Amino acid sequence: MMILALESSATACSAALTRDGELVAQNWQNSGLTHSRTLLPMVDSLLKNSGQTLDGVDVIAVAAGPGSFTGLRIGVSTAKGLAWPGDKDCAPCSTLESMAWPLAHQKGKLIVCAMDARRHQVYNALFLATGEGLERLTPDRAISLAELGEELKKYENSKIVVGDGAKLCYNTLLEQGMELELAPPNLRLQSAWGVARAAEELAARGALVKGRDLVPVYHRLSQAERERLEKEKQITKEGDHTNV
């Protein structure tokens, strides 16, 4: 099975091609350029330099969330566009699970996935590395750093932090007296290879979808939506006072 994987959930952007679980090629950059400019050219050069075409791809995988609202929309829209002409299967992968896969070989370690969600929160999930795979310990969620610190005290395993929010998480929890380590720089940020590996798991479970059913998974309302709801609540309160 050949998988074309896309990762645009945060600042880094990447595309990868795998065949039967083996990495064929990967393009990765952390330049700060908008993913709408970089993602498709990366896919195009990846396929050309690998001597492959989109017709030979069986599954389009994408980091579907959580993550940057804009980044997720770009990634999911790109995946839908690539899948649509050939009605290809798609793998909507958890961004957090995907970033844990490159550390699955560290058997026995607790992998703390962290993406900066602002407002003193991180998007987080916890995984146990089994050597050849991952055991999920929590669902994907938005959680405060204080709550995460309290939860991690329950685990005696060595802890390693990964993701674009790893430094924030590491520094904050270190101040709380937590013992943990940062993933090495080459494994710390999200990569499309991790997305491809997560897609292998979805395919094995029969959880692939068609492009029309592919949607981002935000896990939290956008700032604009939160502000709109606050305004609506305020208007409702003012109306209630007027009717008294």
C-alpha atoms as a PDB file:
ATOM      1  CA  MET A   1       0.000   0.000   0.000  1.00  0.00           C
ATOM      2  CA  MET A   2       1.370   3.391  -1.002  1.00  0.00           C
ATOM      3  CA  ILE A   3       0.462   6.337   1.227  1.00  0.00           C
ATOM      4  CA  LEU A   4       0.902  10.031   0.484  1.00  0.00           C
ATOM      5  CA  ALA A   5       0.850  11.882   3.802  1.00  0.00           C
ATOM      6  CA  LEU A   6       0.456  15.604   4.523  1.00  0.00           C
ATOM      7  CA  GLU A   7       1.288  17.531   7.714  1.00  0.00           C
ATOM      8  CA  SER A   8       0.375  21.231   7.992  1.00  0.00           C
ATOM      9  CA  SER A   9      -1.093  21.436  11.502  1.00  0.00           C
ATOM     10  CA  ALA A  10       1.509  23.885  12.862  1.00  0.00           C
ATOM     11  CA  THR A  11       4.463  26.004  11.687  1.00  0.00           C
ATOM     12  CA  ALA A  12       6.389  23.105  10.141  1.00  0.00           C
ATOM     13  CA  CYS A  13       5.048  21.647   6.918  1.00  0.00           C
ATOM     14  CA  SER A  14       5.831  18.309   5.298  1.00  0.00           C
ATOM     15  CA  ALA A  15       4.787  15.650   2.822  1.00  0.00           C
ATOM     16  CA  ALA A  16       5.861  12.012   2.825  1.00  0.00           C
ATOM     17  CA  LEU A  17       5.497   8.945   0.646  1.00  0.00           C
ATOM     18  CA  THR A  18       5.558   5.443   2.137  1.00  0.00           C
ATOM     19  CA  ARG A  19       5.241   1.994   0.610  1.00  0.00           C
ATOM     20  CA  ASP A  20       4.082  -0.886   2.833  1.00  0.00           C
ATOM     21  CA  GLY A  21       5.220   0.982   5.925  1.00  0.00           C
ATOM     22  CA  GLU A  22       8.639   1.942   4.571  1.00  0.00           C
ATOM     23  CA  LEU A  23       9.542   5.595   4.004  1.00  0.00           C
ATOM     24  CA  VAL A  24      10.191   6.291   0.309  1.00  0.00           C
ATOM     25  CA  ALA A  25      10.684  10.063   0.529  1.00  0.00           C
ATOM     26  CA  GLN A  26       9.836  13.067   2.670  1.00  0.00           C
ATOM     27  CA  ASN A  27       9.912  16.838   2.141  1.00  0.00           C
ATOM     28  CA  TRP A  28       9.975  18.901   5.345  1.00  0.00           C
ATOM     29  CA  GLN A  29      10.463  22.552   6.074  1.00  0.00           C
ATOM     30  CA  ASN A  30      10.013  24.977   8.942  1.00  0.00           C
ATOM     31  CA  SER A  31      10.488  28.236   7.052  1.00  0.00           C
ATOM     32  CA  GLY A  32       7.475  30.154   8.361  1.00  0.00           C
ATOM     33  CA  LEU A  33       6.000  30.491   4.868  1.00  0.00           C
ATOM     34  CA  THR A  34       2.252  29.941   4.592  1.00  0.00           C
ATOM     35  CA  HIS A  35       1.353  26.334   3.869  1.00  0.00           C
ATOM     36  CA  SER A  36      -0.900  27.405   1.002  1.00  0.00           C
ATOM     37  CA  ARG A  37       2.324  28.320  -0.822  1.00  0.00           C
ATOM     38  CA  THR A  38       4.456  25.351   0.177  1.00  0.00           C
ATOM     39  CA  LEU A  39       2.372  22.182   0.565  1.00  0.00           C
ATOM     40  CA  LEU A  40       1.330  21.413  -3.029  1.00  0.00           C
ATOM     41  CA  PRO A  41       4.774  22.228  -4.508  1.00  0.00           C
ATOM     42  CA  MET A  42       6.275  19.891  -1.900  1.00  0.00           C
ATOM     43  CA  VAL A  43       3.903  17.105  -2.966  1.00  0.00           C
ATOM     44  CA  ASP A  44       4.645  17.718  -6.639  1.00  0.00           C
ATOM     45  CA  SER A  45       8.444  17.580  -6.209  1.00  0.00           C
ATOM     46  CA  LEU A  46       8.150  14.592  -3.852  1.00  0.00           C
ATOM     47  CA  LEU A  47       6.291  12.517  -6.442  1.00  0.00           C
ATOM     48  CA  LYS A  48       8.487  13.597  -9.353  1.00  0.00           C
ATOM     49  CA  ASN A  49      11.754  12.950  -7.508  1.00  0.00           C
ATOM     50  CA  SER A  50      10.463   9.534  -6.399  1.00  0.00           C
ATOM     51  CA  GLY A  51       9.442   8.575  -9.923  1.00  0.00           C
ATOM     52  CA  GLN A  52       5.850   8.214  -8.793  1.00  0.00           C
ATOM     53  CA  THR A  53       2.499   9.663  -9.856  1.00  0.00           C
ATOM     54  CA  LEU A  54      -0.682  10.336  -7.953  1.00  0.00           C
ATOM     55  CA  ASP A  55      -2.302   7.431  -9.807  1.00  0.00           C
ATOM     56  CA  GLY A  56       0.024   5.047  -7.989  1.00  0.00           C
ATOM     57  CA  VAL A  57      -0.974   6.311  -4.538  1.00  0.00           C
ATOM     58  CA  ASP A  58      -3.529   4.188  -2.677  1.00  0.00           C
ATOM     59  CA  VAL A  59      -4.282   6.417   0.339  1.00  0.00           C
ATOM     60  CA  ILE A  60      -4.083  10.158   0.996  1.00  0.00           C
ATOM     61  CA  ALA A  61      -3.344  10.741   4.682  1.00  0.00           C
ATOM     62  CA  VAL A  62      -3.504  14.055   6.501  1.00  0.00           C
ATOM     63  CA  ALA A  63      -3.043  15.396  10.021  1.00  0.00           C
ATOM     64  CA  ALA A  64      -6.706  16.281  10.598  1.00  0.00           C
ATOM     65  CA  GLY A  65      -6.366  17.827  14.041  1.00  0.00           C
ATOM     66  CA  PRO A  66      -5.942  19.255  16.515  1.00  0.00           C
ATOM     67  CA  GLY A  67      -3.798  22.150  15.382  1.00  0.00           C
ATOM     68  CA  SER A  68      -3.818  25.562  13.747  1.00  0.00           C
ATOM     69  CA  PHE A  69      -7.258  26.328  12.308  1.00  0.00           C
ATOM     70  CA  THR A  70      -5.763  27.661   9.075  1.00  0.00           C
ATOM     71  CA  GLY A  71      -3.147  24.927   8.840  1.00  0.00           C
ATOM     72  CA  LEU A  72      -5.696  22.156   9.296  1.00  0.00           C
ATOM     73  CA  ARG A  73      -8.015  23.637   6.684  1.00  0.00           C
ATOM     74  CA  ILE A  74      -5.153  23.861   4.177  1.00  0.00           C
ATOM     75  CA  GLY A  75      -4.071  20.277   4.829  1.00  0.00           C
ATOM     76  CA  VAL A  76      -7.547  18.784   4.700  1.00  0.00           C
ATOM     77  CA  SER A  77      -8.539  20.793   1.610  1.00  0.00           C
ATOM     78  CA  THR A  78      -5.346  19.696  -0.157  1.00  0.00           C
ATOM     79  CA  ALA A  79      -5.976  16.053   0.752  1.00  0.00           C
ATOM     80  CA  LYS A  80      -9.571  16.264  -0.509  1.00  0.00           C
ATOM     81  CA  GLY A  81      -8.415  17.814  -3.773  1.00  0.00           C
ATOM     82  CA  LEU A  82      -5.775  15.136  -4.335  1.00  0.00           C
ATOM     83  CA  ALA A  83      -8.159  12.297  -3.496  1.00  0.00           C
ATOM     84  CA  TRP A  84     -11.194  13.510  -5.431  1.00  0.00           C
ATOM     85  CA  PRO A  85     -10.236  12.728  -9.107  1.00  0.00           C
ATOM     86  CA  GLY A  86      -9.416   9.080  -8.381  1.00  0.00           C
ATOM     87  CA  ASP A  87     -11.935   8.662  -5.543  1.00  0.00           C
ATOM     88  CA  LYS A  88      -9.045   7.571  -3.326  1.00  0.00           C
ATOM     89  CA  ASP A  89      -9.331   6.504   0.276  1.00  0.00           C
ATOM     90  CA  CYS A  90      -8.266   9.075   2.878  1.00  0.00           C
ATOM     91  CA  ALA A  91      -6.865   8.709   6.378  1.00  0.00           C
ATOM     92  CA  PRO A  92      -7.890  11.497   8.811  1.00  0.00           C
ATOM     93  CA  CYS A  93      -5.065  11.100  11.327  1.00  0.00           C
ATOM     94  CA  SER A  94      -4.792  12.495  14.825  1.00  0.00           C
ATOM     95  CA  THR A  95      -2.032  15.099  14.815  1.00  0.00           C
ATOM     96  CA  LEU A  96      -1.075  14.071  18.348  1.00  0.00           C
ATOM     97  CA  GLU A  97      -0.852  10.356  17.593  1.00  0.00           C
ATOM     98  CA  SER A  98       1.132  11.134  14.444  1.00  0.00           C
ATOM     99  CA  MET A  99       3.760  13.106  16.374  1.00  0.00           C
ATOM    100  CA  ALA A 100       4.128  10.239  18.868  1.00  0.00           C
ATOM    101  CA  TRP A 101       4.973   7.561  16.281  1.00  0.00           C
ATOM    102  CA  PRO A 102       8.630   8.616  15.702  1.00  0.00           C
ATOM    103  CA  LEU A 103       9.219   7.912  19.428  1.00  0.00           C
ATOM    104  CA  ALA A 104       7.417   4.550  19.577  1.00  0.00           C
ATOM    105  CA  HIS A 105      10.766   2.732  19.693  1.00  0.00           C
ATOM    106  CA  GLN A 106      11.523   4.143  23.176  1.00  0.00           C
ATOM    107  CA  LYS A 107       9.899   1.222  24.947  1.00  0.00           C
ATOM    108  CA  GLY A 108       8.357   1.963  28.322  1.00  0.00           C
ATOM    109  CA  LYS A 109       8.487   5.728  28.033  1.00  0.00           C
ATOM    110  CA  LEU A 110       5.443   7.937  28.461  1.00  0.00           C
ATOM    111  CA  ILE A 111       5.138  10.159  25.387  1.00  0.00           C
ATOM    112  CA  VAL A 112       3.634  13.544  26.254  1.00  0.00           C
ATOM    113  CA  CYS A 113       2.363  15.160  23.043  1.00  0.00           C
ATOM    114  CA  ALA A 114       1.957  18.925  23.256  1.00  0.00           C
ATOM    115  CA  MET A 115       0.780  21.629  20.876  1.00  0.00           C
ATOM    116  CA  ASP A 116       0.381  25.212  22.066  1.00  0.00           C
ATOM    117  CA  ALA A 117      -3.371  25.890  22.245  1.00  0.00           C
ATOM    118  CA  ARG A 118      -2.932  29.380  23.790  1.00  0.00           C
ATOM    119  CA  ARG A 119      -4.927  30.527  26.853  1.00  0.00           C
ATOM    120  CA  HIS A 120      -2.504  28.535  29.115  1.00  0.00           C
ATOM    121  CA  GLN A 121      -3.574  25.288  27.469  1.00  0.00           C
ATOM    122  CA  VAL A 122      -2.021  22.643  25.237  1.00  0.00           C
ATOM    123  CA  TYR A 123      -3.566  20.180  22.852  1.00  0.00           C
ATOM    124  CA  ASN A 124      -2.408  16.949  24.403  1.00  0.00           C
ATOM    125  CA  ALA A 125      -2.587  13.189  24.423  1.00  0.00           C
ATOM    126  CA  LEU A 126      -0.513  10.632  26.316  1.00  0.00           C
ATOM    127  CA  PHE A 127       0.896   7.456  24.777  1.00  0.00           C
ATOM    128  CA  LEU A 128       2.978   4.579  26.110  1.00  0.00           C
ATOM    129  CA  ALA A 129       5.780   3.547  23.753  1.00  0.00           C
ATOM    130  CA  THR A 130       5.778  -0.263  23.390  1.00  0.00           C
ATOM    131  CA  GLY A 131       8.881  -0.570  21.237  1.00  0.00           C
ATOM    132  CA  GLU A 132       7.048  -1.392  18.025  1.00  0.00           C
ATOM    133  CA  GLY A 133       3.879   0.607  18.566  1.00  0.00           C
ATOM    134  CA  LEU A 134       1.866   2.917  20.781  1.00  0.00           C
ATOM    135  CA  GLU A 135      -0.668   2.387  23.531  1.00  0.00           C
ATOM    136  CA  ARG A 136      -3.046   5.339  23.777  1.00  0.00           C
ATOM    137  CA  LEU A 137      -3.637   6.383  27.402  1.00  0.00           C
ATOM    138  CA  THR A 138      -5.855   9.451  26.917  1.00  0.00           C
ATOM    139  CA  PRO A 139      -8.052  10.910  24.187  1.00  0.00           C
ATOM    140  CA  ASP A 140      -6.937  13.975  22.259  1.00  0.00           C
ATOM    141  CA  ARG A 141      -7.950  17.008  24.319  1.00  0.00           C
ATOM    142  CA  ALA A 142      -7.256  20.636  25.189  1.00  0.00           C
ATOM    143  CA  ILE A 143      -5.974  20.741  28.763  1.00  0.00           C
ATOM    144  CA  SER A 144      -4.397  23.347  31.026  1.00  0.00           C
ATOM    145  CA  LEU A 145      -0.729  22.900  31.850  1.00  0.00           C
ATOM    146  CA  ALA A 146      -1.607  22.831  35.544  1.00  0.00           C
ATOM    147  CA  GLU A 147      -4.079  19.965  35.031  1.00  0.00           C
ATOM    148  CA  LEU A 148      -1.603  18.098  32.843  1.00  0.00           C
ATOM    149  CA  GLY A 149       1.078  18.401  35.505  1.00  0.00           C
ATOM    150  CA  GLU A 150      -1.230  16.904  38.140  1.00  0.00           C
ATOM    151  CA  GLU A 151      -2.204  14.043  35.813  1.00  0.00           C
ATOM    152  CA  LEU A 152       1.421  13.189  34.986  1.00  0.00           C
ATOM    153  CA  LYS A 153       2.207  12.693  38.669  1.00  0.00           C
ATOM    154  CA  LYS A 154       0.201   9.440  38.459  1.00  0.00           C
ATOM    155  CA  TYR A 155       2.717   7.894  36.063  1.00  0.00           C
ATOM    156  CA  GLU A 156       6.080   6.547  37.222  1.00  0.00           C
ATOM    157  CA  ASN A 157       7.383   6.017  33.674  1.00  0.00           C
ATOM    158  CA  SER A 158      10.148   8.160  32.217  1.00  0.00           C
ATOM    159  CA  LYS A 159       8.474  10.993  30.339  1.00  0.00           C
ATOM    160  CA  ILE A 160       9.439  12.548  27.012  1.00  0.00           C
ATOM    161  CA  VAL A 161       7.723  15.612  25.527  1.00  0.00           C
ATOM    162  CA  VAL A 162       7.167  16.026  21.778  1.00  0.00           C
ATOM    163  CA  GLY A 163       5.458  18.559  19.516  1.00  0.00           C
ATOM    164  CA  ASP A 164       5.629  22.250  18.640  1.00  0.00           C
ATOM    165  CA  GLY A 165       4.448  22.988  22.194  1.00  0.00           C
ATOM    166  CA  ALA A 166       7.089  20.731  23.770  1.00  0.00           C
ATOM    167  CA  LYS A 167       9.351  23.519  25.057  1.00  0.00           C
ATOM    168  CA  LEU A 168       6.423  25.390  26.634  1.00  0.00           C
ATOM    169  CA  CYS A 169       5.195  22.203  28.250  1.00  0.00           C
ATOM    170  CA  TYR A 170       8.688  21.120  29.362  1.00  0.00           C
ATOM    171  CA  ASN A 171       9.613  24.488  30.903  1.00  0.00           C
ATOM    172  CA  THR A 172       6.301  24.840  32.739  1.00  0.00           C
ATOM    173  CA  LEU A 173       6.261  21.309  34.139  1.00  0.00           C
ATOM    174  CA  LEU A 174       9.933  21.501  35.098  1.00  0.00           C
ATOM    175  CA  GLU A 175       9.062  24.495  37.284  1.00  0.00           C
ATOM    176  CA  GLN A 176       6.424  22.298  38.931  1.00  0.00           C
ATOM    177  CA  GLY A 177       9.125  19.797  39.898  1.00  0.00           C
ATOM    178  CA  MET A 178       8.308  17.271  37.176  1.00  0.00           C
ATOM    179  CA  GLU A 179      11.123  15.084  35.818  1.00  0.00           C
ATOM    180  CA  LEU A 180      10.911  14.778  32.033  1.00  0.00           C
ATOM    181  CA  GLU A 181      12.967  15.201  28.877  1.00  0.00           C
ATOM    182  CA  LEU A 182      12.547  16.958  25.556  1.00  0.00           C
ATOM    183  CA  ALA A 183      12.442  14.890  22.417  1.00  0.00           C
ATOM    184  CA  PRO A 184      15.568  15.532  20.312  1.00  0.00           C
ATOM    185  CA  PRO A 185      15.202  18.372  17.784  1.00  0.00           C
ATOM    186  CA  ASN A 186      15.047  16.040  14.772  1.00  0.00           C
ATOM    187  CA  LEU A 187      12.083  14.170  16.277  1.00  0.00           C
ATOM    188  CA  ARG A 188      10.376  16.986  18.165  1.00  0.00           C
ATOM    189  CA  LEU A 189       8.257  18.721  15.522  1.00  0.00           C
ATOM    190  CA  GLN A 190       5.422  17.183  13.553  1.00  0.00           C
ATOM    191  CA  SER A 191       6.303  15.276  10.389  1.00  0.00           C
ATOM    192  CA  ALA A 192       4.367  13.641   7.580  1.00  0.00           C
ATOM    193  CA  TRP A 193       6.122  10.317   8.214  1.00  0.00           C
ATOM    194  CA  GLY A 194       4.296  10.117  11.552  1.00  0.00           C
ATOM    195  CA  VAL A 195       1.030  10.834   9.728  1.00  0.00           C
ATOM    196  CA  ALA A 196       1.737   8.000   7.299  1.00  0.00           C
ATOM    197  CA  ARG A 197       2.425   5.642  10.207  1.00  0.00           C
ATOM    198  CA  ALA A 198      -0.827   6.634  11.902  1.00  0.00           C
ATOM    199  CA  ALA A 199      -2.601   6.059   8.582  1.00  0.00           C
ATOM    200  CA  GLU A 200      -1.324   2.471   8.544  1.00  0.00           C
ATOM    201  CA  GLU A 201      -3.183   1.924  11.822  1.00  0.00           C
ATOM    202  CA  LEU A 202      -6.394   3.452  10.470  1.00  0.00           C
ATOM    203  CA  ALA A 203      -6.196   1.269   7.364  1.00  0.00           C
ATOM    204  CA  ALA A 204      -5.693  -1.850   9.504  1.00  0.00           C
ATOM    205  CA  ARG A 205      -8.835  -0.955  11.496  1.00  0.00           C
ATOM    206  CA  GLY A 206     -10.876  -0.292   8.358  1.00  0.00           C
ATOM    207  CA  ALA A 207     -11.258   3.366   9.369  1.00  0.00           C
ATOM    208  CA  LEU A 208     -10.401   5.046   6.057  1.00  0.00           C
ATOM    209  CA  VAL A 209     -12.887   7.508   4.536  1.00  0.00           C
ATOM    210  CA  LYS A 210     -13.539   9.101   1.173  1.00  0.00           C
ATOM    211  CA  GLY A 211     -12.511  12.678   0.424  1.00  0.00           C
ATOM    212  CA  ARG A 212     -16.080  13.958   0.755  1.00  0.00           C
ATOM    213  CA  ASP A 213     -16.148  12.796   4.382  1.00  0.00           C
ATOM    214  CA  LEU A 214     -12.766  14.260   5.321  1.00  0.00           C
ATOM    215  CA  VAL A 215     -13.105  17.135   7.814  1.00  0.00           C
ATOM    216  CA  PRO A 216     -10.772  18.934  10.252  1.00  0.00           C
ATOM    217  CA  VAL A 217     -11.039  18.061  13.948  1.00  0.00           C
ATOM    218  CA  TYR A 218     -10.429  21.281  15.872  1.00  0.00           C
ATOM    219  CA  HIS A 219     -11.164  20.198  19.485  1.00  0.00           C
ATOM    220  CA  ARG A 220     -11.908  23.826  20.369  1.00  0.00           C
ATOM    221  CA  LEU A 221     -13.848  26.743  18.906  1.00  0.00           C
ATOM    222  CA  SER A 222     -11.860  29.366  17.026  1.00  0.00           C
ATOM    223  CA  GLN A 223     -11.258  32.746  18.667  1.00  0.00           C
ATOM    224  CA  ALA A 224     -13.786  34.388  16.331  1.00  0.00           C
ATOM    225  CA  GLU A 225     -16.431  31.813  17.284  1.00  0.00           C
ATOM    226  CA  ARG A 226     -15.691  32.218  20.986  1.00  0.00           C
ATOM    227  CA  GLU A 227     -15.998  36.004  20.700  1.00  0.00           C
ATOM    228  CA  ARG A 228     -19.285  35.665  18.793  1.00  0.00           C
ATOM    229  CA  LEU A 229     -20.734  33.399  21.492  1.00  0.00           C
ATOM    230  CA  GLU A 230     -19.626  35.819  24.216  1.00  0.00           C
ATOM    231  CA  LYS A 231     -21.356  38.691  22.405  1.00  0.00           C
ATOM    232  CA  GLU A 232     -24.532  36.639  22.012  1.00  0.00           C
ATOM    233  CA  LYS A 233     -24.494  35.786  25.722  1.00  0.00           C
ATOM    234  CA  GLN A 234     -24.025  39.458  26.593  1.00  0.00           C
ATOM    235  CA  ILE A 235     -26.906  40.501  24.335  1.00  0.00           C
ATOM    236  CA  THR A 236     -29.114  37.816  25.922  1.00  0.00           C
ATOM    237  CA  LYS A 237     -28.246  39.040  29.426  1.00  0.00           C
ATOM    238  CA  GLU A 238     -28.984  42.651  28.486  1.00  0.00           C
ATOM    239  CA  GLY A 239     -32.318  41.576  26.982  1.00  0.00           C
ATOM    240  CA  ASP A 240     -33.258  39.701  30.160  1.00  0.00           C
ATOM    241  CA  HIS A 241     -32.533  42.796  32.269  1.00  0.00           C
ATOM    242  CA  THR A 242     -34.654  44.949  29.937  1.00  0.00           C
ATOM    243  CA  ASN A 243     -37.651  42.616  30.286  1.00  0.00           C
ATOM    244  CA  VAL A 244     -37.521  42.627  34.079  1.00  0.00           C
END
